[in-house]
Amino acid sequence: MPTKAPRHVACIMDGNGRWAQQRGLERPHGDVASGNAFRAMVKTAGEEDVEWLTLLAFTENRCPEEAGFPVHFVAQHLLGRDLERLHGEGVRVRLLATTDPPLPEKALHRLREAEDVTRDNTRRNLTIAFDHGGRRDVLDAARELITRHVPADRVTEAAFPQYMRCPELPDVDLLIRTGGEHRISDFLLWHCAYAELVFLEILWPDFRAEHLRYALDLYRQRQRRFGHTPADSAPPKTPVIPTPRSDLAVPATPGRPAGAGLLPRLLRLPSALATHLGLILVDGLQETASYANSQPKGQSPSPNGGPPTPLTPPRP
C-alpha cells in the first residue's frame, strides 16, 4: 500500500453548471463560485507534498458567449491573482490545451505569461488543461512519429510520450472526478493507464481541502499492483466521506428564490453583467479580508484612514 502522497494527482473539475442550475442561476455563476475550490485544491496539494497536479476544466457544450468564460476566469482571477504567490512557492505552471478551436487570445496570453514566469521553478508543478482529449493527443503523437520517420524499434513506452503535447508529464497516480460522474471522459488516457480512480458526488464549486484529503486517504488504503498477484492482507478501512461545511456553500432549497441567502441580488441581473459585478465583489471581499488579517488584534481601522483605534477605551 502507498504510504506517502501520490506523485501526480489529476482532477476533472466537474459540476459547475449543475451547481448553478440548482440555484436558478446561469452557468457562469458556477464558474465564479469554483474559485475557492480551485485555490483549496492547489493549496492542499502543496501541503500534502503532491509534486504534480493537473486540473481539467470543461469548456465544451456551451453557448458561444459562455464558452470562453472558464478560460478567462482561470487566467485572470485565479492564476492572475495567485501567480506571484505560486511563483514564490516554486510552482511551475503549464498549459495543456488544443489549438482547435483556439483559446481566447487575451486569456491565452495570460496563461502563456504564467508559463514563462514560472518556467525555472522545480518544487511543484501545476498543469491547467482545457478540453484536453487523450485520444487526440495519442493520434497527434503517432502522426509526429510518422512525420519524423522514427524507426519502429525506437517507438517504446518510454519514448512515445516525448512526442505528446506535454512530454514531461508523468503517469497519473490518482485521478479524482467531482460531480458524481463515473468516467474519465478521454482525459490523459495514456497517463492514466494505472491510475487509481476516485469519484466524488460533491459538485466542484463545493470542493474543499477535506475532499482532497479524503481522496488521498483512499489512495493510501489501496494496493497498487500494476497487474501483479495481490498479496494477502486485511481489507482496508474506508475513510469517512467529508461533509461540506454549510457556511461555504449556498444551499439549494426548493422554492427558494434565486439570489436568496448568501447570494446577492445582483445574480438576478443579465448573466454577463452579473458575472462582472460578482467578480468585482469577490475581489473586494478578498482584499478586505487580507487587510483585516493584517491589523493588530484588539484594534480596528480608523474611519479616517489614520492609525488603528483600540476596540476598548483606555482606563482613566
Protein backbone atom coordinates (compact mmCIF):
# COMPACT_ATOMS: atom_id res chain seq x y z
CA MET A 1 0.00 0.00 0.00
CA PRO A 2 1.26 3.53 -0.71
CA THR A 3 2.41 5.27 2.47
CA LYS A 4 3.03 8.72 1.04
CA ALA A 5 1.21 11.13 -1.22
CA PRO A 6 0.88 10.25 -4.91
CA ARG A 7 3.41 11.96 -7.11
CA HIS A 8 0.84 13.01 -9.72
CA VAL A 9 -2.79 13.86 -8.93
CA ALA A 10 -5.18 14.78 -11.74
CA CYS A 11 -8.67 16.16 -11.23
CA ILE A 12 -11.65 16.59 -13.54
CA MET A 13 -13.36 19.69 -12.16
CA ASP A 14 -16.98 18.83 -12.94
CA GLY A 15 -20.28 20.21 -11.68
CA ASN A 16 -20.19 23.99 -12.17
CA GLY A 17 -23.24 24.05 -14.45
CA ARG A 18 -25.34 21.82 -12.20
CA TRP A 19 -24.34 23.83 -9.13
CA ALA A 20 -25.64 26.98 -10.79
CA GLN A 21 -28.77 25.27 -12.13
CA GLN A 22 -29.72 24.03 -8.66
CA ARG A 23 -29.75 27.65 -7.55
CA GLY A 24 -31.68 29.04 -10.51
CA LEU A 25 -28.57 30.69 -11.94
CA GLU A 26 -26.80 30.64 -15.27
CA ARG A 27 -23.69 28.51 -15.73
CA PRO A 28 -21.03 31.26 -15.45
CA HIS A 29 -22.06 31.78 -11.82
CA GLY A 30 -20.95 28.22 -11.14
CA ASP A 31 -17.55 29.04 -12.66
CA VAL A 32 -17.24 32.09 -10.39
CA ALA A 33 -18.20 30.01 -7.35
CA SER A 34 -15.47 27.47 -8.21
CA GLY A 35 -12.66 29.89 -7.38
CA ASN A 36 -12.41 28.77 -3.76
CA ALA A 37 -12.39 25.12 -4.86
CA PHE A 38 -9.50 25.79 -7.25
CA ARG A 39 -7.46 27.54 -4.57
CA ALA A 40 -8.26 24.86 -1.97
CA MET A 41 -7.09 22.13 -4.36
CA VAL A 42 -3.82 23.87 -5.24
CA LYS A 43 -3.03 24.88 -1.65
CA THR A 44 -3.86 21.50 -0.11
CA ALA A 45 -1.95 19.58 -2.79
CA GLY A 46 1.12 21.59 -1.82
CA GLU A 47 0.57 20.91 1.87
CA GLU A 48 0.25 17.18 1.13
CA ASP A 49 3.50 17.11 -0.89
CA VAL A 50 1.86 16.36 -4.25
CA GLU A 51 4.60 17.08 -6.79
CA TRP A 52 2.39 17.19 -9.91
CA LEU A 53 -1.19 18.50 -10.04
CA THR A 54 -3.18 18.55 -13.29
CA LEU A 55 -6.65 20.13 -13.41
CA LEU A 56 -9.13 19.77 -16.28
CA ALA A 57 -11.73 22.49 -16.92
CA PHE A 58 -14.51 21.76 -19.41
CA THR A 59 -15.49 24.45 -21.91
CA GLU A 60 -17.45 22.38 -24.43
CA ASN A 61 -21.27 22.13 -24.68
CA ARG A 62 -21.70 25.84 -24.02
CA CYS A 63 -23.25 28.66 -25.98
CA PRO A 64 -20.66 30.86 -27.77
CA GLU A 65 -20.85 33.74 -25.28
CA GLU A 66 -20.17 31.35 -22.37
CA ALA A 67 -17.59 29.06 -23.97
CA GLY A 68 -14.55 31.19 -23.19
CA PHE A 69 -15.55 32.20 -19.67
CA PRO A 70 -13.77 29.37 -17.77
CA VAL A 71 -10.55 30.17 -19.63
CA HIS A 72 -10.81 33.89 -18.83
CA PHE A 73 -11.71 33.19 -15.21
CA VAL A 74 -8.78 30.85 -14.60
CA ALA A 75 -6.35 33.12 -16.43
CA GLN A 76 -7.35 36.41 -14.81
CA HIS A 77 -8.91 35.73 -11.44
CA LEU A 78 -7.12 32.56 -10.38
CA LEU A 79 -3.69 32.36 -11.95
CA GLY A 80 -3.62 36.13 -12.41
CA ARG A 81 -4.22 36.87 -8.73
CA ASP A 82 -2.22 33.97 -7.35
CA LEU A 83 0.68 33.89 -9.81
CA GLU A 84 3.08 35.82 -7.58
CA ARG A 85 2.36 33.51 -4.64
CA LEU A 86 2.70 30.36 -6.77
CA HIS A 87 5.96 31.64 -8.22
CA GLY A 88 7.27 32.36 -4.72
CA GLU A 89 6.41 28.80 -3.68
CA GLY A 90 8.41 27.37 -6.57
CA VAL A 91 5.40 26.17 -8.58
CA ARG A 92 5.82 25.75 -12.32
CA VAL A 93 2.63 26.42 -14.31
CA ARG A 94 1.89 24.65 -17.59
CA LEU A 95 -0.98 24.91 -20.07
CA LEU A 96 -2.36 21.76 -21.68
CA ALA A 97 -4.87 22.66 -24.38
CA THR A 98 -5.69 22.10 -28.01
CA THR A 99 -5.47 24.86 -30.57
CA ASP A 100 -8.61 23.84 -32.47
CA PRO A 101 -10.71 25.72 -31.64
CA PRO A 102 -8.17 28.21 -30.30
CA LEU A 103 -8.39 29.63 -26.79
CA PRO A 104 -9.38 33.31 -26.44
CA GLU A 105 -6.33 35.38 -27.33
CA LYS A 106 -6.28 37.57 -24.20
CA ALA A 107 -6.65 34.61 -21.83
CA LEU A 108 -4.10 32.58 -23.77
CA HIS A 109 -1.61 35.46 -23.42
CA ARG A 110 -2.03 35.49 -19.63
CA LEU A 111 -1.66 31.73 -19.41
CA ARG A 112 1.49 31.79 -21.54
CA GLU A 113 2.80 34.59 -19.34
CA ALA A 114 2.28 32.37 -16.28
CA GLU A 115 4.23 29.62 -18.05
CA ASP A 116 7.11 31.97 -18.86
CA VAL A 117 7.33 33.50 -15.37
CA THR A 118 7.45 30.11 -13.63
CA ARG A 119 9.49 28.20 -16.23
CA ASP A 120 12.55 27.72 -14.00
CA ASN A 121 10.61 26.57 -10.90
CA THR A 122 11.19 22.98 -9.84
CA ARG A 123 9.49 22.48 -6.46
CA ARG A 124 5.96 21.66 -7.67
CA ASN A 125 4.05 21.53 -10.95
CA LEU A 126 0.57 22.82 -11.79
CA THR A 127 -0.89 21.95 -15.20
CA ILE A 128 -4.14 23.55 -16.35
CA ALA A 129 -5.97 21.62 -19.09
CA PHE A 130 -8.83 22.93 -21.22
CA ASP A 131 -10.81 20.42 -23.29
CA HIS A 132 -7.85 18.08 -23.39
CA GLY A 133 -8.51 14.98 -25.49
CA GLY A 134 -6.48 11.88 -24.67
CA ARG A 135 -7.22 10.14 -27.97
CA ARG A 136 -6.29 13.22 -29.96
CA ASP A 137 -3.04 13.55 -28.01
CA VAL A 138 -2.10 9.93 -28.84
CA LEU A 139 -3.04 10.37 -32.51
CA ASP A 140 -1.03 13.59 -32.78
CA ALA A 141 1.99 11.83 -31.28
CA ALA A 142 1.60 8.94 -33.75
CA ARG A 143 1.41 11.38 -36.67
CA GLU A 144 4.54 13.14 -35.39
CA LEU A 145 6.40 9.83 -35.26
CA ILE A 146 5.38 9.09 -38.85
CA THR A 147 6.36 12.58 -40.00
CA ARG A 148 9.80 12.23 -38.44
CA HIS A 149 10.28 8.72 -39.90
CA VAL A 150 11.10 7.27 -36.47
CA PRO A 151 12.05 3.55 -36.83
CA ALA A 152 9.54 1.12 -35.36
CA ASP A 153 12.05 -0.37 -32.91
CA ARG A 154 12.55 3.08 -31.38
CA VAL A 155 8.83 3.53 -30.61
CA THR A 156 8.75 2.35 -27.00
CA GLU A 157 6.58 3.11 -23.98
CA ALA A 158 9.37 5.29 -22.64
CA ALA A 159 9.91 7.17 -25.91
CA PHE A 160 6.31 7.61 -27.09
CA PRO A 161 5.29 10.28 -24.50
CA GLN A 162 8.11 12.51 -25.74
CA TYR A 163 6.02 13.18 -28.84
CA MET A 164 2.85 14.06 -26.92
CA ARG A 165 1.59 17.55 -26.17
CA CYS A 166 3.20 17.76 -22.71
CA PRO A 167 6.26 15.45 -22.87
CA GLU A 168 7.38 15.96 -19.26
CA LEU A 169 4.01 15.00 -17.75
CA PRO A 170 4.46 11.80 -15.65
CA ASP A 171 1.94 8.98 -15.27
CA VAL A 172 -1.08 9.84 -13.12
CA ASP A 173 -1.18 8.06 -9.75
CA LEU A 174 -4.58 9.34 -8.60
CA LEU A 175 -7.42 10.65 -10.76
CA ILE A 176 -10.26 12.47 -8.99
CA ARG A 177 -13.53 13.46 -10.62
CA THR A 178 -16.16 15.57 -8.88
CA GLY A 179 -19.81 15.93 -9.84
CA GLY A 180 -20.93 12.31 -9.43
CA GLU A 181 -19.98 11.09 -12.92
CA HIS A 182 -18.07 7.79 -13.08
CA ARG A 183 -15.92 8.13 -16.20
CA ILE A 184 -12.64 9.76 -17.22
CA SER A 185 -14.02 11.48 -20.34
CA ASP A 186 -10.97 10.98 -22.58
CA PHE A 187 -8.70 12.77 -20.10
CA LEU A 188 -4.99 11.83 -20.11
CA LEU A 189 -5.68 8.35 -21.50
CA TRP A 190 -2.00 7.42 -21.85
CA HIS A 191 -1.05 8.78 -18.45
CA CYS A 192 -4.00 7.21 -16.59
CA ALA A 193 -3.19 3.62 -17.62
CA TYR A 194 -2.62 2.56 -13.99
CA ALA A 195 -4.19 5.48 -12.13
CA GLU A 196 -6.30 4.92 -9.03
CA LEU A 197 -9.75 6.41 -9.62
CA VAL A 198 -11.83 8.28 -7.05
CA PHE A 199 -15.27 9.63 -7.98
CA LEU A 200 -16.87 12.17 -5.65
CA GLU A 201 -20.52 13.20 -5.55
CA ILE A 202 -19.61 16.72 -4.49
CA LEU A 203 -20.04 19.38 -7.18
CA TRP A 204 -16.81 21.20 -7.98
CA PRO A 205 -17.75 24.63 -6.50
CA ASP A 206 -18.30 22.91 -3.13
CA PHE A 207 -14.94 21.09 -3.21
CA ARG A 208 -12.67 21.89 -0.26
CA ALA A 209 -9.45 20.68 1.35
CA GLU A 210 -11.15 17.86 3.25
CA HIS A 211 -12.34 16.31 -0.03
CA LEU A 212 -8.81 16.10 -1.42
CA ARG A 213 -7.54 14.64 1.85
CA TYR A 214 -10.35 12.08 1.75
CA ALA A 215 -9.30 11.04 -1.78
CA LEU A 216 -5.66 10.83 -0.67
CA ASP A 217 -6.68 8.62 2.27
CA LEU A 218 -8.50 6.31 -0.16
CA TYR A 219 -5.39 6.19 -2.33
CA ARG A 220 -3.20 5.22 0.62
CA GLN A 221 -5.62 2.42 1.54
CA ARG A 222 -5.35 0.79 -1.88
CA GLN A 223 -2.85 -1.77 -3.12
CA ARG A 224 -1.23 -0.64 -6.36
CA ARG A 225 -0.39 -3.97 -8.00
CA PHE A 226 0.13 -2.92 -11.65
CA GLY A 227 -1.20 -6.28 -12.81
CA HIS A 228 0.67 -8.41 -10.26
CA THR A 229 -0.93 -11.03 -7.99
CA PRO A 230 -2.46 -9.39 -4.90
CA ALA A 231 -0.77 -10.10 -1.59
CA ASP A 232 -2.77 -11.46 1.33
CA SER A 233 -3.79 -8.58 3.54
CA ALA A 234 -6.62 -7.40 5.73
CA PRO A 235 -9.29 -5.35 3.98
CA PRO A 236 -8.52 -1.63 4.22
CA LYS A 237 -10.61 0.70 6.29
CA THR A 238 -12.68 3.13 4.26
CA PRO A 239 -12.24 6.79 5.27
CA VAL A 240 -15.29 8.76 6.32
CA ILE A 241 -16.71 10.83 3.46
CA PRO A 242 -16.39 14.51 4.40
CA THR A 243 -19.50 16.64 4.61
CA PRO A 244 -19.25 20.12 3.06
CA ARG A 245 -19.40 22.95 5.57
CA SER A 246 -22.70 24.75 5.43
CA ASP A 247 -21.01 28.14 5.58
CA LEU A 248 -19.00 27.50 2.40
CA ALA A 249 -21.86 26.79 0.01
CA VAL A 250 -25.27 28.26 -0.70
CA PRO A 251 -27.94 25.59 -0.07
CA ALA A 252 -30.32 24.82 -2.91
CA THR A 253 -33.66 24.85 -1.09
CA PRO A 254 -36.77 24.01 -3.16
CA GLY A 255 -38.91 27.09 -3.68
CA ARG A 256 -36.21 29.45 -2.53
CA PRO A 257 -35.85 32.43 -4.92
CA ALA A 258 -32.61 32.84 -6.84
CA GLY A 259 -30.24 35.16 -5.03
CA ALA A 260 -31.55 34.35 -1.54
CA GLY A 261 -29.27 33.63 1.42
CA LEU A 262 -25.61 34.40 0.75
CA LEU A 263 -26.12 35.23 -2.95
CA PRO A 264 -26.67 38.92 -3.58
CA ARG A 265 -29.50 40.25 -5.67
CA LEU A 266 -27.06 41.11 -8.43
CA LEU A 267 -27.38 37.49 -9.57
CA ARG A 268 -30.83 38.35 -10.96
CA LEU A 269 -29.19 40.68 -13.46
CA PRO A 270 -28.30 39.54 -17.00
CA SER A 271 -25.58 36.90 -16.91
CA ALA A 272 -22.68 38.91 -18.36
CA LEU A 273 -23.31 41.97 -16.15
CA ALA A 274 -23.95 39.90 -13.03
CA THR A 275 -20.79 37.89 -13.56
CA HIS A 276 -18.69 41.03 -13.99
CA LEU A 277 -20.12 42.61 -10.84
CA GLY A 278 -19.72 39.33 -8.98
CA LEU A 279 -16.02 39.16 -9.79
CA ILE A 280 -15.54 42.73 -8.57
CA LEU A 281 -17.37 41.85 -5.35
CA VAL A 282 -15.24 38.72 -4.81
CA ASP A 283 -12.04 40.70 -5.34
CA GLY A 284 -13.21 43.38 -2.91
CA LEU A 285 -14.12 40.88 -0.21
CA GLN A 286 -10.76 39.14 -0.54
CA GLU A 287 -8.86 42.43 -0.30
CA THR A 288 -10.93 43.42 2.76
CA ALA A 289 -10.19 40.10 4.43
CA SER A 290 -6.46 40.44 3.71
CA TYR A 291 -6.44 43.97 5.18
CA ALA A 292 -8.36 42.85 8.27
CA ASN A 293 -5.94 39.99 8.88
CA SER A 294 -3.01 42.42 8.73
CA GLN A 295 -4.40 44.57 11.58
CA PRO A 296 -3.11 44.01 15.15
CA LYS A 297 -5.51 42.04 17.30
CA GLY A 298 -7.76 44.09 19.52
CA GLN A 299 -7.72 47.10 17.16
CA SER A 300 -9.99 48.32 14.42
CA PRO A 301 -9.04 50.57 11.48
CA SER A 302 -9.61 54.26 11.93
CA PRO A 303 -12.58 55.57 9.88
CA ASN A 304 -10.48 58.45 8.54
CA GLY A 305 -7.60 56.25 7.41
CA GLY A 306 -5.39 57.12 10.40
CA PRO A 307 -3.82 54.73 12.89
CA PRO A 308 -5.89 51.84 14.28
CA THR A 309 -8.28 52.62 17.09
CA PRO A 310 -8.39 50.32 20.15
CA LEU A 311 -11.64 48.34 20.39
CA THR A 312 -11.95 49.16 24.13
CA PRO A 313 -11.41 52.67 25.55
CA PRO A 314 -8.35 53.12 27.79
CA ARG A 315 -8.93 53.27 31.52
CA PRO A 316 -8.56 56.71 33.13
